[in-house]
Amino acid sequence: MIALERAVLASFSDRAPCKSKVRRPPSEDALAEAERLRGTGTSCSATAARVVIDLSHHAAVADRLWTAPTPEEDHVE
């Protein structure tokens, strides 16, 4: 216990605490990139105009993992 106490006390410092992060508004470049990613601007490319993501495979795997396997399923290879 003494070694643990010494290790904890040794980690303390008399230095000033860390400065908190300065909250700055997003730059013009950041706002333009966010607009591009959302596709709300006028420069939306034709290939990214409509993106469809099919999550049916993910949902099927998640459903299978949600329940415990039965003994019959456990021995199937």
N, C-alpha and C. Protein backbone atom coordinates (compact mmCIF):
# COMPACT_ATOMS: atom_id res chain seq x y z
N MET A 1 0.81 -1.19 0.00
CA MET A 1 0.00 0.00 0.00
C MET A 1 0.86 1.26 0.00
N ILE A 2 1.98 1.19 0.66
CA ILE A 2 2.84 2.38 0.74
C ILE A 2 3.38 2.72 -0.64
N ALA A 3 3.75 1.70 -1.41
CA ALA A 3 4.27 1.96 -2.76
C ALA A 3 3.20 2.60 -3.64
N LEU A 4 1.97 2.13 -3.51
CA LEU A 4 0.87 2.70 -4.28
C LEU A 4 0.64 4.15 -3.88
N GLU A 5 0.66 4.42 -2.59
CA GLU A 5 0.47 5.79 -2.11
C GLU A 5 1.58 6.70 -2.63
N ARG A 6 2.80 6.22 -2.60
CA ARG A 6 3.92 7.02 -3.10
C ARG A 6 3.77 7.28 -4.60
N ALA A 7 3.33 6.28 -5.35
CA ALA A 7 3.15 6.45 -6.79
C ALA A 7 2.07 7.49 -7.09
N VAL A 8 0.99 7.45 -6.33
CA VAL A 8 -0.09 8.41 -6.53
C VAL A 8 0.37 9.81 -6.18
N LEU A 9 1.02 9.95 -5.04
CA LEU A 9 1.47 11.27 -4.62
C LEU A 9 2.55 11.82 -5.54
N ALA A 10 3.37 10.95 -6.11
CA ALA A 10 4.42 11.40 -7.03
C ALA A 10 3.85 11.93 -8.34
N SER A 11 2.64 11.48 -8.68
CA SER A 11 2.05 11.92 -9.95
C SER A 11 1.45 13.32 -9.86
N PHE A 12 1.26 13.85 -8.67
CA PHE A 12 0.73 15.21 -8.51
C PHE A 12 1.80 16.23 -8.85
N SER A 13 1.35 17.39 -9.28
CA SER A 13 2.27 18.44 -9.69
C SER A 13 1.77 19.77 -9.16
N ASP A 14 2.71 20.71 -8.99
CA ASP A 14 2.31 22.05 -8.56
C ASP A 14 2.19 23.00 -9.75
N ARG A 15 2.27 22.43 -10.96
CA ARG A 15 2.11 23.25 -12.16
C ARG A 15 0.67 23.71 -12.30
N ALA A 16 0.50 24.72 -13.10
CA ALA A 16 -0.84 25.23 -13.37
C ALA A 16 -1.65 24.17 -14.11
N PRO A 17 -2.96 24.14 -13.92
CA PRO A 17 -3.77 23.15 -14.63
C PRO A 17 -3.74 23.40 -16.14
N CYS A 18 -4.05 22.38 -16.89
CA CYS A 18 -4.09 22.50 -18.35
C CYS A 18 -5.14 23.52 -18.75
N LYS A 19 -4.84 24.24 -19.80
CA LYS A 19 -5.80 25.20 -20.33
C LYS A 19 -6.92 24.43 -21.02
N SER A 20 -8.11 24.92 -20.87
CA SER A 20 -9.22 24.27 -21.56
C SER A 20 -9.18 24.65 -23.04
N LYS A 21 -9.82 23.83 -23.83
CA LYS A 21 -9.84 24.06 -25.27
C LYS A 21 -10.63 25.33 -25.57
N VAL A 22 -10.08 26.12 -26.44
CA VAL A 22 -10.76 27.34 -26.86
C VAL A 22 -11.79 26.96 -27.92
N ARG A 23 -13.01 27.36 -27.69
CA ARG A 23 -14.08 27.05 -28.65
C ARG A 23 -14.15 28.16 -29.69
N ARG A 24 -13.75 27.81 -30.89
CA ARG A 24 -13.78 28.77 -32.00
C ARG A 24 -14.85 28.34 -32.99
N PRO A 25 -15.48 29.28 -33.63
CA PRO A 25 -16.46 28.90 -34.66
C PRO A 25 -15.74 28.25 -35.84
N PRO A 26 -16.43 27.39 -36.58
CA PRO A 26 -15.78 26.73 -37.71
C PRO A 26 -15.35 27.75 -38.77
N SER A 27 -14.23 27.43 -39.41
CA SER A 27 -13.71 28.32 -40.45
C SER A 27 -14.58 28.22 -41.71
N GLU A 28 -14.34 29.12 -42.65
CA GLU A 28 -15.07 29.09 -43.92
C GLU A 28 -14.80 27.78 -44.65
N ASP A 29 -13.54 27.31 -44.61
CA ASP A 29 -13.21 26.04 -45.26
C ASP A 29 -13.97 24.88 -44.62
N ALA A 30 -14.06 24.88 -43.28
CA ALA A 30 -14.77 23.81 -42.58
C ALA A 30 -16.26 23.84 -42.92
N LEU A 31 -16.84 25.03 -42.97
CA LEU A 31 -18.25 25.14 -43.33
C LEU A 31 -18.51 24.68 -44.76
N ALA A 32 -17.60 25.02 -45.67
CA ALA A 32 -17.74 24.59 -47.07
C ALA A 32 -17.64 23.07 -47.18
N GLU A 33 -16.71 22.47 -46.43
CA GLU A 33 -16.56 21.01 -46.46
C GLU A 33 -17.79 20.33 -45.87
N ALA A 34 -18.33 20.87 -44.79
CA ALA A 34 -19.55 20.30 -44.20
C ALA A 34 -20.71 20.39 -45.18
N GLU A 35 -20.81 21.49 -45.88
CA GLU A 35 -21.86 21.66 -46.89
C GLU A 35 -21.69 20.65 -48.01
N ARG A 36 -20.43 20.44 -48.43
CA ARG A 36 -20.15 19.48 -49.49
C ARG A 36 -20.53 18.07 -49.05
N LEU A 37 -20.18 17.71 -47.80
CA LEU A 37 -20.48 16.37 -47.30
C LEU A 37 -21.98 16.13 -47.15
N ARG A 38 -22.69 17.16 -46.75
CA ARG A 38 -24.15 17.04 -46.61
C ARG A 38 -24.84 17.08 -47.96
N GLY A 39 -24.17 17.57 -48.96
CA GLY A 39 -24.77 17.64 -50.29
C GLY A 39 -25.79 18.74 -50.42
N THR A 40 -25.68 19.77 -49.59
CA THR A 40 -26.65 20.85 -49.65
C THR A 40 -26.20 22.00 -50.53
N GLY A 41 -24.98 21.96 -50.99
CA GLY A 41 -24.46 23.05 -51.81
C GLY A 41 -24.80 22.86 -53.27
N THR A 42 -24.32 23.78 -54.07
CA THR A 42 -24.58 23.71 -55.51
C THR A 42 -23.53 22.88 -56.23
N SER A 43 -22.46 22.49 -55.52
CA SER A 43 -21.37 21.77 -56.18
C SER A 43 -21.43 20.27 -55.93
N CYS A 44 -22.62 19.73 -55.75
CA CYS A 44 -22.78 18.30 -55.50
C CYS A 44 -22.49 17.53 -56.79
N SER A 45 -21.57 16.58 -56.72
CA SER A 45 -21.22 15.83 -57.93
C SER A 45 -22.31 14.83 -58.26
N ALA A 46 -22.38 14.44 -59.51
CA ALA A 46 -23.43 13.53 -59.98
C ALA A 46 -23.30 12.16 -59.34
N THR A 47 -22.07 11.70 -59.08
CA THR A 47 -21.90 10.36 -58.51
C THR A 47 -22.34 10.29 -57.06
N ALA A 48 -22.28 11.39 -56.35
CA ALA A 48 -22.67 11.38 -54.94
C ALA A 48 -24.04 12.01 -54.72
N ALA A 49 -24.77 12.23 -55.79
CA ALA A 49 -26.08 12.87 -55.65
C ALA A 49 -27.05 11.97 -54.89
N ARG A 50 -26.94 10.67 -55.08
CA ARG A 50 -27.84 9.74 -54.38
C ARG A 50 -27.03 8.54 -53.92
N VAL A 51 -26.84 8.43 -52.63
CA VAL A 51 -26.10 7.32 -52.05
C VAL A 51 -27.09 6.45 -51.29
N VAL A 52 -27.10 5.17 -51.60
CA VAL A 52 -27.99 4.23 -50.94
C VAL A 52 -27.13 3.19 -50.24
N ILE A 53 -27.37 3.02 -48.95
CA ILE A 53 -26.63 2.03 -48.18
C ILE A 53 -27.62 0.99 -47.69
N ASP A 54 -27.38 -0.26 -48.06
CA ASP A 54 -28.26 -1.36 -47.67
C ASP A 54 -27.72 -1.98 -46.39
N LEU A 55 -28.46 -1.86 -45.32
CA LEU A 55 -28.03 -2.39 -44.02
C LEU A 55 -28.73 -3.70 -43.68
N SER A 56 -29.36 -4.35 -44.65
CA SER A 56 -30.08 -5.59 -44.36
C SER A 56 -29.14 -6.70 -43.90
N HIS A 57 -27.96 -6.80 -44.50
CA HIS A 57 -27.00 -7.83 -44.07
C HIS A 57 -26.55 -7.55 -42.64
N HIS A 58 -26.25 -6.32 -42.34
CA HIS A 58 -25.85 -5.95 -40.98
C HIS A 58 -26.97 -6.26 -39.99
N ALA A 59 -28.20 -5.96 -40.35
CA ALA A 59 -29.34 -6.23 -39.46
C ALA A 59 -29.50 -7.72 -39.22
N ALA A 60 -29.31 -8.53 -40.26
CA ALA A 60 -29.43 -9.98 -40.11
C ALA A 60 -28.36 -10.52 -39.17
N VAL A 61 -27.14 -10.06 -39.32
CA VAL A 61 -26.05 -10.50 -38.43
C VAL A 61 -26.32 -10.03 -37.01
N ALA A 62 -26.77 -8.80 -36.84
CA ALA A 62 -27.05 -8.28 -35.51
C ALA A 62 -28.17 -9.07 -34.85
N ASP A 63 -29.20 -9.44 -35.60
CA ASP A 63 -30.29 -10.25 -35.05
C ASP A 63 -29.79 -11.62 -34.61
N ARG A 64 -28.90 -12.20 -35.41
CA ARG A 64 -28.35 -13.51 -35.08
C ARG A 64 -27.51 -13.44 -33.82
N LEU A 65 -26.77 -12.36 -33.64
CA LEU A 65 -25.90 -12.22 -32.47
C LEU A 65 -26.68 -11.82 -31.22
N TRP A 66 -27.90 -11.34 -31.39
CA TRP A 66 -28.70 -10.87 -30.26
C TRP A 66 -29.16 -12.04 -29.40
N THR A 67 -29.36 -13.22 -30.00
CA THR A 67 -29.85 -14.38 -29.26
C THR A 67 -28.74 -15.40 -29.11
N ALA A 68 -28.83 -16.19 -28.04
CA ALA A 68 -27.84 -17.25 -27.81
C ALA A 68 -28.11 -18.39 -28.79
N PRO A 69 -27.06 -19.04 -29.29
CA PRO A 69 -27.27 -20.15 -30.22
C PRO A 69 -27.89 -21.35 -29.52
N THR A 70 -28.72 -22.08 -30.25
CA THR A 70 -29.29 -23.31 -29.71
C THR A 70 -28.23 -24.40 -29.81
N PRO A 71 -28.39 -25.51 -29.08
CA PRO A 71 -27.38 -26.58 -29.17
C PRO A 71 -27.21 -27.10 -30.59
N GLU A 72 -28.29 -27.11 -31.40
CA GLU A 72 -28.17 -27.59 -32.78
C GLU A 72 -27.30 -26.64 -33.60
N GLU A 73 -27.49 -25.34 -33.41
CA GLU A 73 -26.71 -24.35 -34.15
C GLU A 73 -25.25 -24.33 -33.69
N ASP A 74 -25.03 -24.67 -32.44
CA ASP A 74 -23.69 -24.61 -31.87
C ASP A 74 -22.77 -25.66 -32.49
N HIS A 75 -23.34 -26.80 -32.93
CA HIS A 75 -22.51 -27.89 -33.47
C HIS A 75 -22.44 -27.89 -34.99
N VAL A 76 -23.12 -26.99 -35.65
CA VAL A 76 -23.09 -26.91 -37.12
C VAL A 76 -21.81 -26.23 -37.54
N GLU A 77 -21.10 -26.84 -38.49
CA GLU A 77 -19.84 -26.26 -38.98
C GLU A 77 -19.96 -25.94 -40.43
